[in-house]
Amino acid sequence: MPKHDIAAVSVLHHALVGAAEEMGEVLKRSAFSPNIKERQDYSCALFDARGRLIAQAAHLPVHLGSMPASVHAVIDRVEFKRDGDFAIVNDPYNGGTHLPDITMVAPVYEGKALIGYAANRAHHADIGGAAPGSMSPQTELMAEGLIIPPMLLTRETLALVAANTRTPDERRGDLKAQQAACARGGQRLREAKQHWGGGFDGLCDALVAHSRNLMRHSLKQLKPGVYRAADFMDDDGAGTTNIRVAVTLTVKRGGKLTFDFTGSAPQVKGGVNAVAAVTASACYYACLCLCDPVPPVNAGCFEDIRVIAPEGTIVNARRPAAVAGGNVETSQRIVDVCFAALAKAGARVAAQSQGTMNNVTIGGVNAKSATFTYYETIAGGCGGTDAQPGASATHSHMTNTLNTPIEALEHAYPLRVEEYSIREGAKGGRGVVRRIRALVPCEFGLLTERRKRAPKGGEPGVNRVCRAKGQVETLPAKCSGKLDSGDSLEIITPNADGAED
């Protein structure tokens, strides 16, 4: 590539990443739900006319690594007719990850010519199903919520979604925010195409090749060979315990990697099954963590990474297995085993982080007889290195959200935060204590991990209900139940400690 083209590629990269970041700002500022507006549980990206990832914002790894599967599912199954069309999908077995994550894809045209796609994914605080928040432990996909195959978003589609959720106004508002974000991304992509004219496609190719080369440079530092690692999930919430996640990493000369999950447990009854796109996303994330310098994240980063996930296992379940926790909990364990295998290959990785997203849902009817659903993932301890201890009270690995500020939470829901503190007991990488009191009768659901098997060198988390009458009940890692007015739900997240041996 001529030297002057390197500058052009860099300028294009920053223009596209800026556009994706701007999409996120539009989504955040337009959304109705605290989950999107405050926690920023969303991700945005841009794709070329072939559906190839060309830029993404620094949002959620579990969303971004799996979003290409959603875009390709939409391209294959939806017939776009004009600029201003939008498609949505959440079906985990048809391009999605888990049902609360609705992905929106919009074609971008210059005149009549298709030049690319703008896409975003947002976690909706309720998408129907058996329990408020659509994240409580279930044993089949249909009980987890409304399943949306790739389809155009029309007035009728929007009505269908609204009719199948406990919070229809919030869902309409959040979907319209996703539309606004896609429209802004399309506008910026069109401007980039007009600026570079006929050279735009060539510059995109050069950008993807540049990322591939940078990724290859980092992966070439690994020692060729075969390396194995395994770890276990606590349980699936439906009777299966000690669920094995195993990987065989093959490193070839030149930096080509294969992550083979043969030997992982069969899919389970409870909702911790992951679909293949989630497993691949965790592998991509683990590899990106090794990069110095970090490449522009696009399709080129993943060309030398192969993922084998046998169908019918915990890392590539078959329909209609429940999958709500696969996206948020099993993805974290996949990262743990990928890091363990990469460390054996000579990579410098951190010690295990908390290994869970600590998913909490609370729903009910407020004093104004309006249904509410609160969803949150709760931070914990991050793994340390040989240079320093891990960060405390931080989301790690496959999640990258914020917390819901106490003021916003108490304003939006009939809930009161009684304690929000950093947990004691570790030298570094400490978890948090979050205790929430119900001011009206509620239902709650928990999808958590590392309650039996602590992170290496750390301490497990604890879930409890503190009843208004004084009783304290320790809860399983995955469960659902009821809170009376005055009862409190207490989540103590895992501590991480030490550096990887």
Protein backbone atom coordinates (compact mmCIF):
# COMPACT_ATOMS: atom_id res chain seq x y z
CA MET A 1 0.00 0.00 0.00
CA PRO A 2 1.43 3.44 -0.91
CA LYS A 3 2.42 5.53 2.08
CA HIS A 4 -0.15 8.23 1.37
CA ASP A 5 -2.88 5.57 1.49
CA ILE A 6 -1.95 4.69 5.07
CA ALA A 7 -3.00 8.16 6.17
CA ALA A 8 -6.25 7.87 4.23
CA VAL A 9 -7.00 4.50 5.81
CA SER A 10 -6.40 5.96 9.27
CA VAL A 11 -8.66 8.92 8.60
CA LEU A 12 -11.38 6.61 7.27
CA HIS A 13 -11.07 4.34 10.31
CA HIS A 14 -11.50 7.23 12.75
CA ALA A 15 -14.40 8.64 10.73
CA LEU A 16 -16.22 5.29 10.83
CA VAL A 17 -15.50 4.66 14.51
CA GLY A 18 -16.66 8.20 15.27
CA ALA A 19 -19.88 7.46 13.42
CA ALA A 20 -20.45 4.29 15.45
CA GLU A 21 -19.77 6.18 18.69
CA GLU A 22 -22.20 8.89 17.59
CA MET A 23 -24.82 6.20 16.99
CA GLY A 24 -24.39 5.17 20.60
CA GLU A 25 -24.85 8.72 21.83
CA VAL A 26 -28.08 9.05 19.85
CA LEU A 27 -29.34 5.76 21.25
CA LYS A 28 -28.44 6.66 24.83
CA ARG A 29 -29.98 10.12 24.67
CA SER A 30 -33.17 8.93 22.92
CA ALA A 31 -33.90 5.76 24.89
CA PHE A 32 -36.73 5.45 27.39
CA SER A 33 -35.46 2.71 29.71
CA PRO A 34 -32.83 3.21 32.42
CA ASN A 35 -31.22 0.00 31.19
CA ILE A 36 -30.25 1.67 27.92
CA LYS A 37 -30.16 5.33 28.94
CA GLU A 38 -28.23 4.87 32.19
CA ARG A 39 -26.49 1.49 32.05
CA GLN A 40 -25.75 1.88 28.33
CA ASP A 41 -26.53 -1.77 27.59
CA TYR A 42 -26.17 -1.39 23.82
CA SER A 43 -23.66 -1.61 20.99
CA CYS A 44 -23.34 -0.01 17.55
CA ALA A 45 -21.43 -0.92 14.40
CA LEU A 46 -21.15 -0.28 10.66
CA PHE A 47 -20.92 -2.85 7.86
CA ASP A 48 -20.10 -2.63 4.17
CA ALA A 49 -22.40 -3.68 1.34
CA ARG A 50 -21.24 -7.31 1.69
CA GLY A 51 -22.19 -7.37 5.36
CA ARG A 52 -18.56 -7.21 6.45
CA LEU A 53 -17.84 -5.43 9.74
CA ILE A 54 -15.84 -2.27 9.04
CA ALA A 55 -16.12 -0.35 12.32
CA GLN A 56 -17.55 -0.63 15.80
CA ALA A 57 -17.79 1.58 18.86
CA ALA A 58 -16.16 0.62 22.16
CA HIS A 59 -19.35 -0.85 23.55
CA LEU A 60 -20.07 -4.45 24.74
CA PRO A 61 -17.77 -7.26 23.54
CA VAL A 62 -20.49 -9.91 23.81
CA HIS A 63 -22.72 -7.83 21.53
CA LEU A 64 -20.11 -6.77 19.02
CA GLY A 65 -18.40 -10.08 18.36
CA SER A 66 -21.73 -11.74 17.64
CA MET A 67 -23.41 -8.89 15.74
CA PRO A 68 -22.11 -9.96 12.31
CA ALA A 69 -24.22 -13.13 12.64
CA SER A 70 -27.32 -10.96 13.10
CA VAL A 71 -26.47 -8.76 10.13
CA HIS A 72 -25.93 -11.76 7.87
CA ALA A 73 -29.17 -13.38 9.06
CA VAL A 74 -31.04 -10.19 8.17
CA ILE A 75 -29.33 -9.86 4.78
CA ASP A 76 -30.21 -13.46 3.96
CA ARG A 77 -33.86 -13.30 5.00
CA VAL A 78 -35.14 -9.73 4.70
CA GLU A 79 -35.86 -7.94 1.44
CA PHE A 80 -35.12 -4.28 1.93
CA LYS A 81 -37.04 -2.06 -0.48
CA ARG A 82 -35.83 1.47 0.20
CA ASP A 83 -33.70 3.76 2.28
CA GLY A 84 -35.43 4.16 5.63
CA ASP A 85 -36.23 0.46 6.05
CA PHE A 86 -35.29 -1.19 9.34
CA ALA A 87 -35.14 -4.86 10.26
CA ILE A 88 -35.05 -6.44 13.71
CA VAL A 89 -34.09 -9.87 15.06
CA ASN A 90 -33.62 -11.48 18.47
CA ASP A 91 -33.98 -15.21 17.65
CA PRO A 92 -30.86 -16.81 19.17
CA TYR A 93 -30.97 -19.60 16.61
CA ASN A 94 -31.36 -17.24 13.68
CA GLY A 95 -28.78 -14.52 14.21
CA GLY A 96 -29.54 -13.43 17.79
CA THR A 97 -27.92 -14.11 21.16
CA HIS A 98 -30.64 -14.09 23.82
CA LEU A 99 -34.16 -12.72 23.55
CA PRO A 100 -33.84 -9.38 25.41
CA ASP A 101 -31.14 -8.31 22.93
CA ILE A 102 -32.94 -6.89 19.89
CA THR A 103 -30.64 -6.18 16.97
CA MET A 104 -31.69 -3.57 14.42
CA VAL A 105 -30.18 -3.41 10.94
CA ALA A 106 -30.75 -0.64 8.37
CA PRO A 107 -29.51 -0.57 4.78
CA VAL A 108 -27.60 2.52 3.67
CA TYR A 109 -27.99 3.77 0.10
CA GLU A 110 -26.32 6.42 -2.00
CA GLY A 111 -28.94 7.06 -4.60
CA LYS A 112 -30.05 3.56 -5.60
CA ALA A 113 -26.72 1.92 -4.78
CA LEU A 114 -26.40 -0.05 -1.54
CA ILE A 115 -23.20 1.03 0.21
CA GLY A 116 -23.53 -0.69 3.59
CA TYR A 117 -25.52 -1.27 6.76
CA ALA A 118 -25.86 0.46 10.12
CA ALA A 119 -26.66 -1.86 13.03
CA ASN A 120 -27.14 -1.71 16.76
CA ARG A 121 -28.13 -4.08 19.53
CA ALA A 122 -29.87 -3.06 22.74
CA HIS A 123 -30.91 -5.09 25.76
CA HIS A 124 -34.63 -4.50 26.39
CA ALA A 125 -35.65 -4.70 30.04
CA ASP A 126 -38.62 -6.93 29.22
CA ILE A 127 -39.49 -8.93 26.11
CA GLY A 128 -42.31 -10.99 27.62
CA GLY A 129 -42.03 -14.59 28.70
CA ALA A 130 -42.82 -16.26 32.00
CA ALA A 131 -41.26 -13.73 34.35
CA PRO A 132 -40.70 -9.97 34.54
CA GLY A 133 -37.46 -8.89 32.92
CA SER A 134 -37.22 -11.97 30.65
CA MET A 135 -33.99 -13.08 32.37
CA SER A 136 -35.22 -15.40 35.12
CA PRO A 137 -34.22 -19.08 34.99
CA GLN A 138 -36.37 -20.97 32.51
CA THR A 139 -36.13 -24.38 30.82
CA GLU A 140 -37.18 -23.63 27.25
CA LEU A 141 -36.73 -20.76 24.84
CA MET A 142 -40.44 -20.01 24.52
CA ALA A 143 -40.70 -19.25 28.25
CA GLU A 144 -37.91 -16.69 27.99
CA GLY A 145 -39.89 -14.25 25.86
CA LEU A 146 -41.08 -13.21 22.42
CA ILE A 147 -38.99 -14.73 19.60
CA ILE A 148 -38.45 -12.40 16.64
CA PRO A 149 -37.02 -13.91 13.45
CA PRO A 150 -35.33 -11.50 11.01
CA MET A 151 -38.15 -9.23 9.76
CA LEU A 152 -38.87 -5.69 8.68
CA LEU A 153 -39.84 -3.33 11.47
CA THR A 154 -43.29 -2.12 10.49
CA ARG A 155 -46.20 -0.61 12.36
CA GLU A 156 -47.57 -4.15 12.74
CA THR A 157 -44.24 -5.54 13.98
CA LEU A 158 -43.98 -2.78 16.56
CA ALA A 159 -47.53 -3.53 17.72
CA LEU A 160 -46.63 -7.22 18.05
CA VAL A 161 -43.63 -6.46 20.25
CA ALA A 162 -45.62 -4.03 22.39
CA ALA A 163 -48.42 -6.58 22.87
CA ASN A 164 -45.95 -9.17 24.19
CA THR A 165 -44.13 -7.11 26.81
CA ARG A 166 -45.04 -5.90 30.27
CA THR A 167 -43.76 -2.40 29.44
CA PRO A 168 -45.08 -1.53 25.96
CA ASP A 169 -44.45 2.23 26.05
CA GLU A 170 -40.85 1.65 27.08
CA ARG A 171 -40.35 -0.89 24.29
CA ARG A 172 -41.77 1.45 21.67
CA GLY A 173 -39.52 4.25 22.90
CA ASP A 174 -36.39 2.12 22.94
CA LEU A 175 -37.04 0.72 19.47
CA LYS A 176 -37.55 4.21 18.09
CA ALA A 177 -34.25 5.19 19.72
CA GLN A 178 -32.60 2.29 17.91
CA GLN A 179 -34.10 3.56 14.65
CA ALA A 180 -32.68 7.02 15.29
CA ALA A 181 -29.26 5.54 15.97
CA CYS A 182 -29.30 3.51 12.75
CA ALA A 183 -30.40 6.58 10.80
CA ARG A 184 -27.49 8.59 12.18
CA GLY A 185 -25.04 5.81 11.33
CA GLY A 186 -26.42 5.64 7.81
CA GLN A 187 -26.05 9.39 7.41
CA ARG A 188 -22.39 9.29 8.48
CA LEU A 189 -21.60 6.26 6.31
CA ARG A 190 -23.15 8.03 3.32
CA GLU A 191 -21.05 11.12 4.01
CA ALA A 192 -17.89 8.99 4.16
CA LYS A 193 -18.74 7.36 0.84
CA GLN A 194 -19.34 10.75 -0.76
CA HIS A 195 -16.07 12.12 0.63
CA TRP A 196 -13.89 9.31 -0.72
CA GLY A 197 -15.99 8.63 -3.81
CA GLY A 198 -14.83 5.73 -5.95
CA GLY A 199 -11.93 5.02 -3.60
CA PHE A 200 -14.17 4.21 -0.63
CA ASP A 201 -14.45 0.44 -1.20
CA GLY A 202 -10.71 0.11 -1.78
CA LEU A 203 -9.96 1.99 1.42
CA CYS A 204 -12.35 -0.31 3.35
CA ASP A 205 -10.48 -3.31 1.92
CA ALA A 206 -7.18 -1.76 2.97
CA LEU A 207 -8.54 -1.06 6.47
CA VAL A 208 -9.65 -4.68 6.90
CA ALA A 209 -6.27 -5.92 5.62
CA HIS A 210 -4.46 -3.58 8.03
CA SER A 211 -6.41 -5.02 10.98
CA ARG A 212 -5.71 -8.56 9.82
CA ASN A 213 -1.98 -7.83 9.67
CA LEU A 214 -1.88 -6.21 13.12
CA MET A 215 -3.83 -9.11 14.63
CA ARG A 216 -1.54 -11.60 12.93
CA HIS A 217 1.51 -9.74 14.30
CA SER A 218 0.24 -10.19 17.87
CA LEU A 219 -0.88 -13.80 17.49
CA LYS A 220 2.49 -14.76 15.95
CA GLN A 221 4.05 -14.10 19.35
CA LEU A 222 2.31 -17.21 20.74
CA LYS A 223 4.22 -20.50 20.91
CA PRO A 224 3.03 -23.00 18.27
CA GLY A 225 1.48 -26.07 19.85
CA VAL A 226 -1.64 -27.57 21.36
CA TYR A 227 -2.89 -26.30 24.73
CA ARG A 228 -5.86 -27.40 26.81
CA ALA A 229 -7.92 -25.77 29.54
CA ALA A 230 -11.21 -26.42 31.30
CA ASP A 231 -13.41 -24.83 33.93
CA PHE A 232 -16.92 -25.36 35.27
CA MET A 233 -20.18 -23.47 35.59
CA ASP A 234 -21.82 -23.74 39.03
CA ASP A 235 -25.16 -25.02 37.72
CA ASP A 236 -28.00 -24.37 35.27
CA GLY A 237 -30.71 -23.64 37.84
CA ALA A 238 -32.60 -26.79 36.79
CA GLY A 239 -30.63 -29.53 38.54
CA THR A 240 -27.43 -29.85 36.51
CA THR A 241 -24.25 -28.88 38.34
CA ASN A 242 -20.53 -28.66 37.52
CA ILE A 243 -21.07 -27.93 33.83
CA ARG A 244 -17.78 -28.36 31.99
CA VAL A 245 -16.49 -25.81 29.49
CA ALA A 246 -13.34 -27.15 27.82
CA VAL A 247 -11.15 -25.85 25.01
CA THR A 248 -8.24 -27.18 23.00
CA LEU A 249 -6.24 -24.33 21.53
CA THR A 250 -4.10 -25.06 18.49
CA VAL A 251 -1.54 -22.40 17.61
CA LYS A 252 0.03 -22.70 14.17
CA ARG A 253 3.07 -20.89 12.91
CA GLY A 254 2.10 -17.55 11.46
CA GLY A 255 -0.49 -16.86 14.16
CA LYS A 256 -3.46 -18.93 13.02
CA LEU A 257 -5.52 -20.16 15.98
CA THR A 258 -8.19 -22.81 16.44
CA PHE A 259 -10.36 -22.91 19.56
CA ASP A 260 -11.97 -26.37 19.72
CA PHE A 261 -14.63 -26.82 22.41
CA THR A 262 -15.03 -30.56 21.89
CA GLY A 263 -15.30 -32.09 25.35
CA SER A 264 -17.57 -29.41 26.75
CA ALA A 265 -20.74 -30.54 28.50
CA PRO A 266 -23.89 -31.37 26.54
CA GLN A 267 -26.52 -28.66 26.46
CA VAL A 268 -28.54 -28.47 29.65
CA LYS A 269 -32.17 -27.98 30.63
CA GLY A 270 -31.61 -24.62 32.34
CA GLY A 271 -30.95 -21.37 30.52
CA VAL A 272 -27.14 -21.20 30.50
CA ASN A 273 -26.73 -22.63 27.02
CA ALA A 274 -24.79 -20.43 24.59
CA VAL A 275 -25.32 -20.22 20.85
CA ALA A 276 -22.36 -20.45 18.47
CA ALA A 277 -22.17 -16.69 17.84
CA VAL A 278 -21.71 -16.01 21.56
CA THR A 279 -18.93 -18.59 21.82
CA ALA A 280 -17.13 -17.11 18.83
CA SER A 281 -17.53 -13.63 20.29
CA ALA A 282 -15.81 -14.69 23.53
CA CYS A 283 -12.89 -16.21 21.58
CA TYR A 284 -12.48 -13.04 19.50
CA TYR A 285 -12.50 -10.91 22.63
CA ALA A 286 -9.82 -13.03 24.31
CA CYS A 287 -7.57 -12.68 21.28
CA LEU A 288 -8.08 -8.93 21.02
CA CYS A 289 -6.93 -8.60 24.64
CA LEU A 290 -3.49 -9.87 23.56
CA CYS A 291 -2.95 -7.23 20.90
CA ASP A 292 -0.33 -4.53 21.19
CA PRO A 293 -0.98 -2.35 19.29
CA VAL A 294 -4.72 -2.92 19.31
CA PRO A 295 -5.96 -3.10 15.71
CA PRO A 296 -9.00 -1.27 14.39
CA VAL A 297 -11.71 -3.79 15.20
CA ASN A 298 -13.30 -5.08 12.01
CA ALA A 299 -13.72 -8.31 10.06
CA GLY A 300 -9.98 -8.53 9.41
CA CYS A 301 -9.26 -9.18 13.09
CA PHE A 302 -11.00 -12.54 13.00
CA GLU A 303 -9.78 -14.05 9.73
CA ASP A 304 -7.08 -16.16 11.38
CA ILE A 305 -9.27 -17.37 14.27
CA ARG A 306 -11.28 -20.57 13.84
CA VAL A 307 -13.86 -21.70 16.40
CA ILE A 308 -15.15 -25.28 16.61
CA ALA A 309 -18.22 -25.57 18.84
CA PRO A 310 -19.92 -28.97 18.57
CA GLU A 311 -23.67 -28.71 18.10
CA GLY A 312 -25.77 -29.83 21.03
CA THR A 313 -23.28 -28.71 23.66
CA ILE A 314 -23.26 -25.92 26.26
CA VAL A 315 -21.34 -23.75 23.76
CA ASN A 316 -23.58 -24.39 20.71
CA ALA A 317 -27.05 -25.44 21.82
CA ARG A 318 -29.88 -26.69 19.62
CA ARG A 319 -33.34 -25.12 19.54
CA PRO A 320 -35.40 -24.88 21.73
CA ALA A 321 -32.83 -24.85 24.53
CA ALA A 322 -33.11 -21.88 26.92
CA VAL A 323 -30.25 -19.42 26.39
CA ALA A 324 -30.82 -16.28 28.49
CA GLY A 325 -27.78 -16.98 30.65
CA GLY A 326 -25.54 -18.25 27.87
CA ASN A 327 -24.96 -14.73 26.58
CA VAL A 328 -24.15 -13.27 30.00
CA GLU A 329 -22.78 -16.11 32.15
CA THR A 330 -21.40 -18.88 29.94
CA SER A 331 -19.65 -16.32 27.76
CA GLN A 332 -17.64 -15.29 30.84
CA ARG A 333 -16.54 -18.87 31.50
CA ILE A 334 -15.55 -19.28 27.86
CA VAL A 335 -13.27 -16.25 28.28
CA ASP A 336 -11.79 -17.86 31.41
CA VAL A 337 -10.83 -21.06 29.58
CA CYS A 338 -9.58 -19.18 26.51
CA PHE A 339 -7.28 -17.08 28.69
CA ALA A 340 -6.05 -20.18 30.53
CA ALA A 341 -5.16 -21.86 27.24
CA LEU A 342 -3.58 -18.72 25.81
CA ALA A 343 -1.45 -18.33 28.95
CA LYS A 344 -0.01 -21.79 28.31
CA ALA A 345 0.87 -20.60 24.82
CA GLY A 346 2.92 -17.75 26.25
CA ALA A 347 0.34 -14.95 26.38
CA ARG A 348 0.43 -12.51 29.29
CA VAL A 349 -3.09 -12.54 30.72
CA ALA A 350 -4.67 -11.37 33.94
CA ALA A 351 -5.88 -13.63 36.72
CA GLN A 352 -9.51 -14.67 36.64
CA SER A 353 -12.01 -11.87 37.10
CA GLN A 354 -15.36 -12.35 38.83
CA GLY A 355 -16.56 -14.62 36.00
CA THR A 356 -20.20 -13.55 36.11
CA MET A 357 -22.43 -10.62 35.22
CA ASN A 358 -24.67 -11.08 38.30
CA ASN A 359 -27.97 -10.62 36.46
CA VAL A 360 -30.83 -9.27 38.58
CA THR A 361 -34.42 -8.68 37.49
CA ILE A 362 -37.20 -7.25 39.64
CA GLY A 363 -40.70 -6.60 38.38
CA GLY A 364 -44.18 -5.84 39.58
CA VAL A 365 -46.83 -3.13 39.68
CA ASN A 366 -46.08 0.29 41.15
CA ALA A 367 -48.33 2.54 43.21
CA LYS A 368 -49.82 4.02 40.02
CA SER A 369 -50.88 0.52 38.84
CA ALA A 370 -48.25 0.58 36.09
CA THR A 371 -46.10 -2.47 35.42
CA PHE A 372 -42.36 -2.03 35.83
CA THR A 373 -39.33 -4.21 35.11
CA TYR A 374 -35.85 -3.48 36.44
CA TYR A 375 -32.81 -5.29 35.05
CA GLU A 376 -29.17 -4.88 35.94
CA THR A 377 -25.82 -6.61 35.78
CA ILE A 378 -23.67 -5.90 38.82
CA ALA A 379 -19.94 -5.24 38.85
CA GLY A 380 -17.34 -7.25 40.75
CA GLY A 381 -13.63 -7.88 41.07
CA CYS A 382 -11.23 -7.86 38.14
CA GLY A 383 -8.24 -10.19 37.96
CA GLY A 384 -4.81 -8.82 38.77
CA THR A 385 -1.51 -9.11 36.93
CA ASP A 386 2.07 -9.60 38.04
CA ALA A 387 2.36 -5.79 38.00
CA GLN A 388 -0.73 -4.73 39.93
CA PRO A 389 -3.93 -5.97 41.57
CA GLY A 390 -7.15 -5.98 39.62
CA ALA A 391 -9.68 -3.16 39.71
CA SER A 392 -12.53 -3.32 42.19
CA ALA A 393 -16.24 -2.85 41.52
CA THR A 394 -15.87 -3.03 37.75
CA HIS A 395 -17.63 -4.87 34.95
CA SER A 396 -15.19 -7.18 33.21
CA HIS A 397 -14.65 -9.05 29.96
CA MET A 398 -17.82 -9.65 27.93
CA THR A 399 -19.80 -6.88 29.56
CA ASN A 400 -18.92 -3.20 29.46
CA THR A 401 -21.95 -1.49 30.94
CA LEU A 402 -22.27 1.07 33.69
CA ASN A 403 -24.36 0.69 36.83
CA THR A 404 -27.82 2.16 37.19
CA PRO A 405 -27.24 5.23 39.39
CA ILE A 406 -29.13 5.01 42.66
CA GLU A 407 -30.97 8.26 41.94
CA ALA A 408 -32.14 7.01 38.53
CA LEU A 409 -33.13 3.61 39.90
CA GLU A 410 -35.18 5.03 42.75
CA HIS A 411 -36.80 7.59 40.45
CA ALA A 412 -37.87 4.98 37.90
CA TYR A 413 -38.94 2.08 40.14
CA PRO A 414 -40.62 1.49 43.53
CA LEU A 415 -37.28 0.28 44.89
CA ARG A 416 -34.81 1.69 47.39
CA VAL A 417 -31.07 1.00 47.40
CA GLU A 418 -30.08 0.39 51.02
CA GLU A 419 -26.43 -0.42 50.45
CA TYR A 420 -24.02 -0.05 47.58
CA SER A 421 -20.47 -0.59 48.73
CA ILE A 422 -17.18 -2.24 47.84
CA ARG A 423 -16.89 -5.65 49.42
CA GLU A 424 -14.24 -6.37 52.05
CA GLY A 425 -11.91 -9.33 52.19
CA ALA A 426 -9.56 -9.13 49.20
CA LYS A 427 -6.26 -7.38 48.58
CA GLY A 428 -7.56 -6.10 45.24
CA GLY A 429 -10.15 -6.85 42.62
CA ARG A 430 -12.99 -6.62 45.13
CA GLY A 431 -16.65 -7.17 44.43
CA VAL A 432 -19.58 -5.07 45.59
CA VAL A 433 -22.54 -5.33 47.93
CA ARG A 434 -25.82 -4.13 46.43
CA ARG A 435 -28.93 -4.41 48.59
CA ILE A 436 -32.27 -3.30 47.15
CA ARG A 437 -35.48 -3.01 49.17
CA ALA A 438 -38.85 -3.56 47.51
CA LEU A 439 -41.44 -0.87 48.30
CA VAL A 440 -44.24 -2.90 46.69
CA PRO A 441 -44.73 -6.66 46.25
CA CYS A 442 -42.38 -7.86 43.46
CA GLU A 443 -41.06 -10.87 41.63
CA PHE A 444 -37.31 -11.28 41.27
CA GLY A 445 -34.99 -13.43 39.19
CA LEU A 446 -31.27 -14.15 39.49
CA LEU A 447 -28.85 -15.53 36.92
CA THR A 448 -25.44 -15.52 38.60
CA GLU A 449 -22.26 -17.60 38.72
CA ARG A 450 -19.17 -18.12 40.89
CA ARG A 451 -21.31 -18.81 43.95
CA LYS A 452 -19.79 -22.29 44.50
CA ARG A 453 -16.55 -22.17 42.52
CA ALA A 454 -14.73 -18.94 43.27
CA PRO A 455 -12.45 -17.26 40.75
CA LYS A 456 -8.92 -18.61 41.16
CA GLY A 457 -7.44 -16.87 44.19
CA GLY A 458 -10.69 -15.05 44.94
CA GLU A 459 -13.89 -15.49 46.91
CA PRO A 460 -17.34 -16.57 45.69
CA GLY A 461 -20.37 -14.32 45.55
CA VAL A 462 -23.45 -14.62 47.74
CA ASN A 463 -27.16 -14.00 47.03
CA ARG A 464 -29.56 -13.34 49.90
CA VAL A 465 -33.08 -12.20 50.72
CA CYS A 466 -33.45 -10.17 53.89
CA ARG A 467 -37.10 -10.38 54.92
CA ALA A 468 -38.84 -7.45 56.57
CA LYS A 469 -39.58 -9.69 59.57
CA GLY A 470 -35.88 -10.33 60.14
CA GLN A 471 -35.22 -13.69 58.46
CA VAL A 472 -32.24 -13.95 56.10
CA GLU A 473 -32.34 -16.57 53.34
CA THR A 474 -29.33 -17.56 51.25
CA LEU A 475 -30.36 -18.04 47.63
CA PRO A 476 -29.00 -20.30 44.89
CA ALA A 477 -26.96 -18.88 42.03
CA LYS A 478 -29.97 -19.11 39.74
CA CYS A 479 -33.46 -18.75 41.10
CA SER A 480 -36.63 -16.73 41.12
CA GLY A 481 -39.00 -15.76 43.88
CA LYS A 482 -41.19 -13.10 45.46
CA LEU A 483 -40.45 -10.07 47.58
CA ASP A 484 -43.04 -8.60 49.90
CA SER A 485 -43.04 -4.88 50.51
CA GLY A 486 -40.12 -4.20 52.85
CA ASP A 487 -38.06 -7.24 51.83
CA SER A 488 -34.55 -6.69 50.47
CA LEU A 489 -32.56 -8.53 47.82
CA GLU A 490 -28.82 -8.53 48.55
CA ILE A 491 -26.20 -9.39 45.92
CA ILE A 492 -22.58 -9.78 47.01
CA THR A 493 -20.41 -10.19 43.92
CA PRO A 494 -17.20 -12.26 43.71
CA ASN A 495 -13.77 -11.04 44.73
CA ALA A 496 -10.84 -11.64 42.39
CA ASP A 497 -7.28 -11.69 43.60
CA GLY A 498 -3.73 -12.39 42.50
CA ALA A 499 -2.01 -12.81 39.16
CA GLU A 500 -2.17 -15.73 36.77
CA ASP A 501 0.45 -18.36 37.58
